[in-house]
Amino acid sequence: MTNKAATLSDVARATGVHLSTVSRVMNPDTRGMVSAEVAKRILAEARRLGYRANRAASTLVTRKSNIIGVVLPDITNPVFPPILTGIEEGLRKHGYQAIVANVGADEEEQRVVINLLLGQQVDGLILATARRHDPVVKMCVEQRVPLVTVNRRDETGTASCVISDDGHGMRLAVQHLLALGHRHIGHIAGLDSLSTGHFRRLGFLAAVEASGIDPRQVAVCESSGHTRECGKAALLELLRRAPLTTAVVTGNDLVAIGCYDALAELGLRCPEDLSIVGHNDVPFMDMVRPPLTTVRIRHHGMGVEAARLILQTIERRDAPVLDIRLKPELVVRESSAAPQLR
C-alpha cells in the first residue's frame, strides 16, 4: 500500500492549529506573521510527517514560483562559482531558489535554454552571458521578463546590471606599474564583444593617456579567448610586435597564467624580464609561481547584488534600470617588480 503524501491539513491536525496558520508558516514570505514558537512547532511536525510543498499548485494560485533562472556561459571558469554562490545566498534569504543553466556563447542555444526556463515558470532571469549588443537580452526585454545581467552588461541600457568598475581596476593596475618605473607597458585585452573586454581595454588606454606616456610605447593585443592557451598565444604575438615591453596588464587571470607559459617557452622570467598583472583574483592566484599581482573583483558581492536587483525588479515592474559598479582593489604579489635595465 502506497503511503499518501502529507498535506497542509495533516500538519494542521497534528499541531492543533488552523490550516491558514500552517499555510503562513510554510511560506517564507508570511512566516513572520506567526509567533516563532508556533512556527517552530509547525515546521518540526511538517518534517516528521514528511510534508513537501506542492510548488506547482502554489504557482497556479500565487502566479509565483519563487524560482529564478541563472544562465552562465561557462561554469568551469573560476569567475562564476562565487557569483553563483552570492546569487543563491541572496535569493534564499527571501524564500527564492535558483535554477542554473550552463550554456556556451552560441546565441541559439541560449535562446533555447532561456525559453525552457521560462516554460518552468521562473519569476525572473539573471544572465551572466550578456554581450555588449545582445539579441537574447533584447528578446527578454521585449517579452517583459524580469531581467538582470551580472559581470557583463548589455549596452542598450534596457536591463539592470551588476558589474565591476573595470575602468577603475585598470587604472589601479597601470598606476602600480608606472610607480615601479615601467614605461613600455602592454595590454592583452579580452573579447571586445563583451563589456569586460571592451571596458578594460578602454580603461587601460585612458590610464596610459593620463600618465603622459608616448602611445608608441604601448602595445595592445586582443586574446582570442579567456583561457591559458589563448593568453600564451597573445603574449607571444605582443612581444613579437613590441619586444621592448617590460610589463603586461591582462584582462583575465587565466590569460595571465598563459603569459607565464609564453615566458617559459621564450626562456624569460617573471618579473625579472616581464612584469605581469592579472584581473579577477580567482582562487589559487596566490599559489602560482610567482604569485600573481591582480585586480581583485568582488564576485560574491556581485551575486548578492544581482539577487537583490532581480527581486526588486519582480516586486516593482516599474523599478528603474540600474547600473551598479562595484569597486575592485589591486592585490600586489610577486609577479610585478621594477624593470631591469636593458
Protein backbone atom coordinates (compact mmCIF):
# COMPACT_ATOMS: atom_id res chain seq x y z
CA MET A 1 0.00 0.00 0.00
CA THR A 2 1.46 3.36 -1.03
CA ASN A 3 1.76 5.94 1.72
CA LYS A 4 -0.25 9.06 0.95
CA ALA A 5 1.76 12.29 0.90
CA ALA A 6 1.19 14.52 3.92
CA THR A 7 -0.89 17.63 3.31
CA LEU A 8 -1.22 21.04 4.99
CA SER A 9 -4.40 19.71 6.62
CA ASP A 10 -2.46 16.78 8.12
CA VAL A 11 0.07 19.20 9.61
CA ALA A 12 -2.74 21.42 10.94
CA ARG A 13 -4.48 18.47 12.64
CA ALA A 14 -1.22 17.18 14.14
CA THR A 15 -0.31 20.57 15.62
CA GLY A 16 -3.82 21.63 16.59
CA VAL A 17 -3.69 24.96 14.77
CA HIS A 18 -5.79 26.42 11.97
CA LEU A 19 -4.96 25.50 8.37
CA SER A 20 -4.31 29.16 7.49
CA THR A 21 -1.64 29.35 10.23
CA VAL A 22 0.16 26.34 8.77
CA SER A 23 -0.06 27.89 5.31
CA ARG A 24 1.56 31.11 6.56
CA VAL A 25 4.41 29.22 8.21
CA MET A 26 5.11 27.20 5.08
CA ASN A 27 5.53 30.40 3.08
CA PRO A 28 8.83 32.14 3.99
CA ASP A 29 7.30 35.49 2.98
CA THR A 30 4.50 35.21 5.59
CA ARG A 31 6.21 33.13 8.28
CA GLY A 32 6.92 36.26 10.32
CA MET A 33 3.18 36.72 10.85
CA VAL A 34 3.22 33.71 13.20
CA SER A 35 4.98 33.59 16.56
CA ALA A 36 8.43 31.97 16.48
CA GLU A 37 7.40 29.26 18.96
CA VAL A 38 4.34 28.20 16.94
CA ALA A 39 6.26 28.33 13.66
CA LYS A 40 8.99 26.12 15.13
CA ARG A 41 6.41 23.57 16.28
CA ILE A 42 4.67 23.51 12.89
CA LEU A 43 7.92 23.12 10.96
CA ALA A 44 9.03 20.28 13.24
CA GLU A 45 5.72 18.45 12.74
CA ALA A 46 5.86 19.02 8.98
CA ARG A 47 9.32 17.42 8.89
CA ARG A 48 8.11 14.47 10.98
CA LEU A 49 5.17 13.87 8.66
CA GLY A 50 7.33 14.26 5.57
CA TYR A 51 5.29 17.19 4.25
CA ARG A 52 6.57 18.69 0.99
CA ALA A 53 5.17 21.86 -0.52
CA ASN A 54 3.41 21.37 -3.86
CA ARG A 55 5.24 24.07 -5.80
CA ALA A 56 3.23 23.56 -8.99
CA ALA A 57 -0.06 24.07 -7.15
CA SER A 58 1.32 27.06 -5.30
CA THR A 59 2.44 28.64 -8.57
CA LEU A 60 -1.07 28.28 -10.02
CA VAL A 61 -2.55 30.11 -7.03
CA THR A 62 0.07 32.84 -6.49
CA ARG A 63 1.37 33.11 -10.07
CA LYS A 64 4.84 32.99 -8.50
CA SER A 65 7.23 30.06 -8.50
CA ASN A 66 9.86 31.69 -6.25
CA ILE A 67 12.45 30.38 -8.69
CA ILE A 68 14.99 32.48 -10.59
CA GLY A 69 16.76 31.19 -13.70
CA VAL A 70 20.52 31.83 -13.69
CA VAL A 71 22.31 31.42 -17.01
CA LEU A 72 26.10 31.02 -17.00
CA PRO A 73 28.42 30.94 -20.04
CA ASP A 74 30.99 28.51 -18.58
CA ILE A 75 30.64 27.07 -15.10
CA THR A 76 34.20 25.71 -15.26
CA ASN A 77 35.54 29.28 -15.38
CA PRO A 78 36.52 30.10 -11.75
CA VAL A 79 34.97 33.57 -12.08
CA PHE A 80 31.42 32.24 -11.95
CA PRO A 81 31.09 29.91 -8.91
CA PRO A 82 31.48 32.75 -6.35
CA ILE A 83 28.98 34.87 -8.32
CA LEU A 84 26.53 31.96 -8.25
CA THR A 85 27.10 31.45 -4.52
CA GLY A 86 26.27 35.10 -3.88
CA ILE A 87 23.12 34.85 -6.01
CA GLU A 88 21.89 31.73 -4.20
CA GLU A 89 22.58 33.23 -0.77
CA GLY A 90 20.78 36.43 -1.69
CA LEU A 91 17.76 34.55 -3.05
CA ARG A 92 17.45 32.09 -0.15
CA LYS A 93 17.06 34.92 2.36
CA HIS A 94 13.80 35.81 0.63
CA GLY A 95 12.49 32.31 0.03
CA TYR A 96 13.68 32.03 -3.57
CA GLN A 97 15.77 29.36 -5.26
CA ALA A 98 17.90 29.32 -8.39
CA ILE A 99 17.78 27.01 -11.38
CA VAL A 100 21.22 27.15 -13.01
CA ALA A 101 21.78 26.59 -16.71
CA ASN A 102 25.28 26.35 -18.16
CA VAL A 103 25.43 27.37 -21.81
CA GLY A 104 28.16 28.45 -24.20
CA ALA A 105 28.41 31.55 -26.34
CA ASP A 106 26.03 30.27 -29.02
CA GLU A 107 23.05 32.62 -29.32
CA GLU A 108 20.59 29.98 -30.47
CA GLU A 109 21.49 27.64 -27.61
CA GLN A 110 20.95 30.50 -25.16
CA ARG A 111 17.52 31.18 -26.63
CA VAL A 112 16.54 27.52 -26.30
CA VAL A 113 17.71 27.33 -22.67
CA ILE A 114 16.01 30.59 -21.69
CA ASN A 115 12.74 29.50 -23.28
CA LEU A 116 12.95 26.23 -21.33
CA LEU A 117 13.46 28.19 -18.10
CA LEU A 118 10.52 30.45 -18.89
CA GLY A 119 8.49 27.31 -19.55
CA GLN A 120 9.32 26.25 -15.99
CA GLN A 121 7.59 29.45 -14.83
CA VAL A 122 10.71 31.10 -13.38
CA ASP A 123 9.89 34.51 -11.92
CA GLY A 124 12.91 36.19 -13.48
CA LEU A 125 16.35 35.70 -15.04
CA ILE A 126 19.91 36.57 -14.09
CA LEU A 127 22.19 36.37 -17.13
CA ALA A 128 25.98 36.15 -16.92
CA THR A 129 26.09 35.62 -20.68
CA ALA A 130 25.33 39.14 -21.93
CA ARG A 131 27.23 40.63 -24.84
CA ARG A 132 27.51 44.36 -25.46
CA HIS A 133 24.77 44.20 -28.08
CA ASP A 134 22.82 41.11 -27.15
CA PRO A 135 19.73 39.95 -29.08
CA VAL A 136 18.92 37.49 -26.29
CA VAL A 137 18.67 40.34 -23.79
CA LYS A 138 16.53 42.22 -26.31
CA MET A 139 14.22 39.20 -26.61
CA CYS A 140 13.76 39.01 -22.83
CA VAL A 141 13.09 42.73 -22.50
CA GLU A 142 10.52 42.62 -25.31
CA GLN A 143 8.76 39.73 -23.54
CA ARG A 144 8.77 41.78 -20.30
CA VAL A 145 10.73 39.12 -18.44
CA PRO A 146 12.24 40.49 -15.20
CA LEU A 147 15.95 40.51 -16.02
CA VAL A 148 19.33 41.42 -14.52
CA THR A 149 22.76 40.87 -16.06
CA VAL A 150 25.78 40.16 -13.87
CA ASN A 151 29.54 40.54 -14.51
CA ARG A 152 28.71 41.71 -18.05
CA ARG A 153 26.30 44.31 -19.37
CA ASP A 154 24.29 44.95 -22.49
CA GLU A 155 24.93 48.49 -23.73
CA THR A 156 21.35 49.25 -24.70
CA GLY A 157 20.65 50.17 -21.08
CA THR A 158 17.35 48.26 -21.04
CA ALA A 159 18.27 45.81 -18.27
CA SER A 160 19.73 46.42 -14.83
CA CYS A 161 23.26 45.11 -14.36
CA VAL A 162 25.83 44.47 -11.64
CA ILE A 163 29.42 44.67 -12.86
CA SER A 164 32.87 45.59 -11.64
CA ASP A 165 34.19 49.10 -12.26
CA ASP A 166 36.59 47.92 -14.97
CA GLY A 167 37.96 51.37 -15.73
CA HIS A 168 38.95 51.84 -12.09
CA GLY A 169 40.54 48.39 -11.97
CA MET A 170 42.72 49.03 -15.00
CA ARG A 171 43.71 52.43 -13.63
CA LEU A 172 44.94 50.73 -10.44
CA ALA A 173 47.00 48.23 -12.46
CA VAL A 174 48.61 50.83 -14.75
CA GLN A 175 49.39 53.22 -11.89
CA HIS A 176 51.06 50.36 -9.99
CA LEU A 177 53.35 49.58 -12.94
CA LEU A 178 54.13 53.25 -13.52
CA ALA A 179 55.12 53.62 -9.86
CA LEU A 180 57.54 50.69 -10.32
CA GLY A 181 59.18 52.55 -13.20
CA HIS A 182 57.66 50.81 -16.24
CA ARG A 183 57.12 52.88 -19.38
CA HIS A 184 56.82 50.17 -22.06
CA ILE A 185 53.54 48.60 -20.94
CA GLY A 186 51.35 46.21 -22.92
CA HIS A 187 47.78 45.04 -22.57
CA ILE A 188 46.29 41.69 -23.51
CA ALA A 189 42.63 42.57 -23.93
CA GLY A 190 39.60 40.35 -23.62
CA LEU A 191 37.00 39.97 -26.36
CA ASP A 192 35.71 43.36 -27.48
CA SER A 193 32.21 41.90 -27.97
CA LEU A 194 31.95 41.59 -24.16
CA SER A 195 31.73 44.58 -21.85
CA THR A 196 34.52 43.17 -19.69
CA GLY A 197 37.00 43.10 -22.58
CA HIS A 198 35.80 46.40 -24.04
CA PHE A 199 35.82 48.50 -20.87
CA ARG A 200 39.07 47.06 -19.52
CA ARG A 201 40.76 47.95 -22.81
CA LEU A 202 39.31 51.48 -22.66
CA GLY A 203 40.35 51.76 -19.02
CA PHE A 204 43.90 50.72 -19.85
CA LEU A 205 44.19 53.21 -22.70
CA ALA A 206 42.72 56.01 -20.60
CA ALA A 207 45.16 55.32 -17.76
CA VAL A 208 48.11 55.30 -20.16
CA GLU A 209 46.97 58.54 -21.79
CA ALA A 210 46.56 60.22 -18.39
CA SER A 211 50.15 59.25 -17.49
CA GLY A 212 51.61 61.10 -20.44
CA ILE A 213 53.37 58.02 -21.86
CA ASP A 214 54.05 58.10 -25.58
CA PRO A 215 51.34 55.88 -27.15
CA ARG A 216 54.04 54.34 -29.35
CA GLN A 217 55.47 52.72 -26.21
CA VAL A 218 52.21 50.87 -25.61
CA ALA A 219 51.07 47.66 -27.30
CA VAL A 220 47.58 46.15 -27.18
CA CYS A 221 46.83 42.63 -28.37
CA GLU A 222 43.38 41.02 -28.14
CA SER A 223 43.23 37.49 -26.80
CA SER A 224 41.02 35.14 -28.79
CA GLY A 225 39.53 33.74 -25.57
CA HIS A 226 39.74 33.65 -21.79
CA THR A 227 41.96 30.60 -21.49
CA ARG A 228 45.54 29.85 -20.60
CA GLU A 229 46.27 28.74 -24.17
CA CYS A 230 44.87 31.99 -25.60
CA GLY A 231 46.96 34.01 -23.16
CA LYS A 232 50.13 32.26 -24.21
CA ALA A 233 49.47 32.90 -27.91
CA ALA A 234 48.56 36.55 -27.26
CA LEU A 235 51.73 37.32 -25.31
CA LEU A 236 53.93 35.70 -27.94
CA GLU A 237 52.27 37.93 -30.55
CA LEU A 238 52.54 41.05 -28.38
CA LEU A 239 56.26 40.55 -27.73
CA ARG A 240 56.84 39.91 -31.41
CA ARG A 241 55.27 43.28 -32.21
CA ALA A 242 56.68 45.18 -29.21
CA PRO A 243 59.87 43.48 -27.97
CA LEU A 244 60.76 46.37 -25.61
CA THR A 245 57.68 45.71 -23.45
CA THR A 246 58.62 45.35 -19.76
CA ALA A 247 55.16 44.84 -18.23
CA VAL A 248 51.79 43.49 -19.33
CA VAL A 249 48.33 44.02 -17.89
CA THR A 250 45.94 41.22 -18.84
CA GLY A 251 42.15 41.22 -18.84
CA ASN A 252 41.88 37.86 -17.13
CA ASP A 253 43.86 35.73 -14.64
CA LEU A 254 43.81 32.61 -16.80
CA VAL A 255 45.23 34.66 -19.67
CA ALA A 256 47.93 35.88 -17.25
CA ILE A 257 48.87 32.28 -16.42
CA GLY A 258 49.15 31.66 -20.15
CA CYS A 259 51.65 34.52 -20.23
CA TYR A 260 53.77 32.56 -17.74
CA ASP A 261 53.76 29.69 -20.25
CA ALA A 262 54.87 32.00 -23.05
CA LEU A 263 57.76 33.36 -20.96
CA ALA A 264 58.90 29.82 -20.15
CA GLU A 265 58.90 28.98 -23.85
CA LEU A 266 60.98 32.08 -24.60
CA GLY A 267 63.42 31.43 -21.76
CA LEU A 268 62.33 34.61 -19.94
CA ARG A 269 61.45 35.16 -16.30
CA CYS A 270 58.64 36.89 -14.44
CA PRO A 271 59.06 39.50 -13.06
CA GLU A 272 62.76 39.90 -13.90
CA ASP A 273 62.20 40.15 -17.65
CA LEU A 274 58.48 40.94 -17.73
CA SER A 275 56.03 42.00 -15.01
CA ILE A 276 52.52 40.58 -15.33
CA VAL A 277 49.28 41.83 -13.77
CA GLY A 278 46.07 39.80 -13.98
CA HIS A 279 42.42 40.61 -13.47
CA ASN A 280 39.79 38.88 -11.24
CA ASP A 281 41.89 37.27 -8.47
CA VAL A 282 40.32 33.86 -8.93
CA PRO A 283 41.26 31.11 -6.42
CA PHE A 284 44.90 29.94 -6.20
CA MET A 285 46.47 33.00 -7.86
CA ASP A 286 48.45 33.38 -4.64
CA MET A 287 49.81 29.84 -5.11
CA VAL A 288 51.15 30.03 -8.68
CA ARG A 289 54.84 30.84 -9.17
CA PRO A 290 55.36 33.70 -8.94
CA PRO A 291 52.17 34.62 -7.06
CA LEU A 292 50.13 36.83 -9.37
CA THR A 293 49.60 40.54 -8.87
CA THR A 294 45.99 41.06 -9.93
CA VAL A 295 42.89 43.23 -9.74
CA ARG A 296 40.53 41.65 -7.23
CA ILE A 297 36.86 41.75 -8.22
CA ARG A 298 34.04 41.31 -5.67
CA HIS A 299 32.44 38.34 -7.40
CA HIS A 300 30.43 37.17 -4.40
CA GLY A 301 29.19 40.71 -3.82
CA MET A 302 28.15 40.90 -7.46
CA GLY A 303 25.99 37.82 -6.99
CA VAL A 304 24.35 39.18 -3.83
CA GLU A 305 23.57 42.47 -5.57
CA ALA A 306 22.20 40.69 -8.64
CA ALA A 307 19.83 38.71 -6.40
CA ARG A 308 18.67 41.90 -4.70
CA LEU A 309 18.10 43.62 -8.03
CA ILE A 310 16.12 40.78 -9.63
CA LEU A 311 13.80 40.56 -6.61
CA GLN A 312 13.33 44.32 -6.72
CA THR A 313 12.52 44.09 -10.43
CA ILE A 314 9.96 41.34 -9.79
CA GLU A 315 8.24 43.24 -7.00
CA ARG A 316 8.20 46.54 -8.88
CA ARG A 317 7.79 46.21 -12.61
CA ASP A 318 8.31 49.98 -12.84
CA ALA A 319 11.61 49.79 -10.96
CA PRO A 320 14.32 51.92 -12.60
CA VAL A 321 17.05 50.29 -14.68
CA LEU A 322 20.20 50.40 -12.55
CA ASP A 323 23.88 50.14 -13.50
CA ILE A 324 25.71 49.05 -10.34
CA ARG A 325 29.51 49.01 -10.46
CA LEU A 326 31.43 47.54 -7.54
CA LYS A 327 34.89 48.91 -6.80
CA PRO A 328 37.76 46.43 -7.29
CA GLU A 329 41.11 46.53 -5.50
CA LEU A 330 44.68 45.79 -6.53
CA VAL A 331 46.37 42.84 -4.83
CA VAL A 332 50.14 43.21 -5.17
CA ARG A 333 52.11 39.97 -5.17
CA GLU A 334 55.40 38.84 -6.72
CA SER A 335 54.69 38.92 -10.46
CA SER A 336 55.32 42.66 -10.68
CA ALA A 337 58.61 44.44 -9.96
CA ALA A 338 60.73 47.33 -11.18
CA PRO A 339 62.02 46.84 -14.76
CA GLN A 340 65.60 45.76 -15.23
CA LEU A 341 67.95 47.94 -17.28
CA ARG A 342 68.42 46.57 -20.78
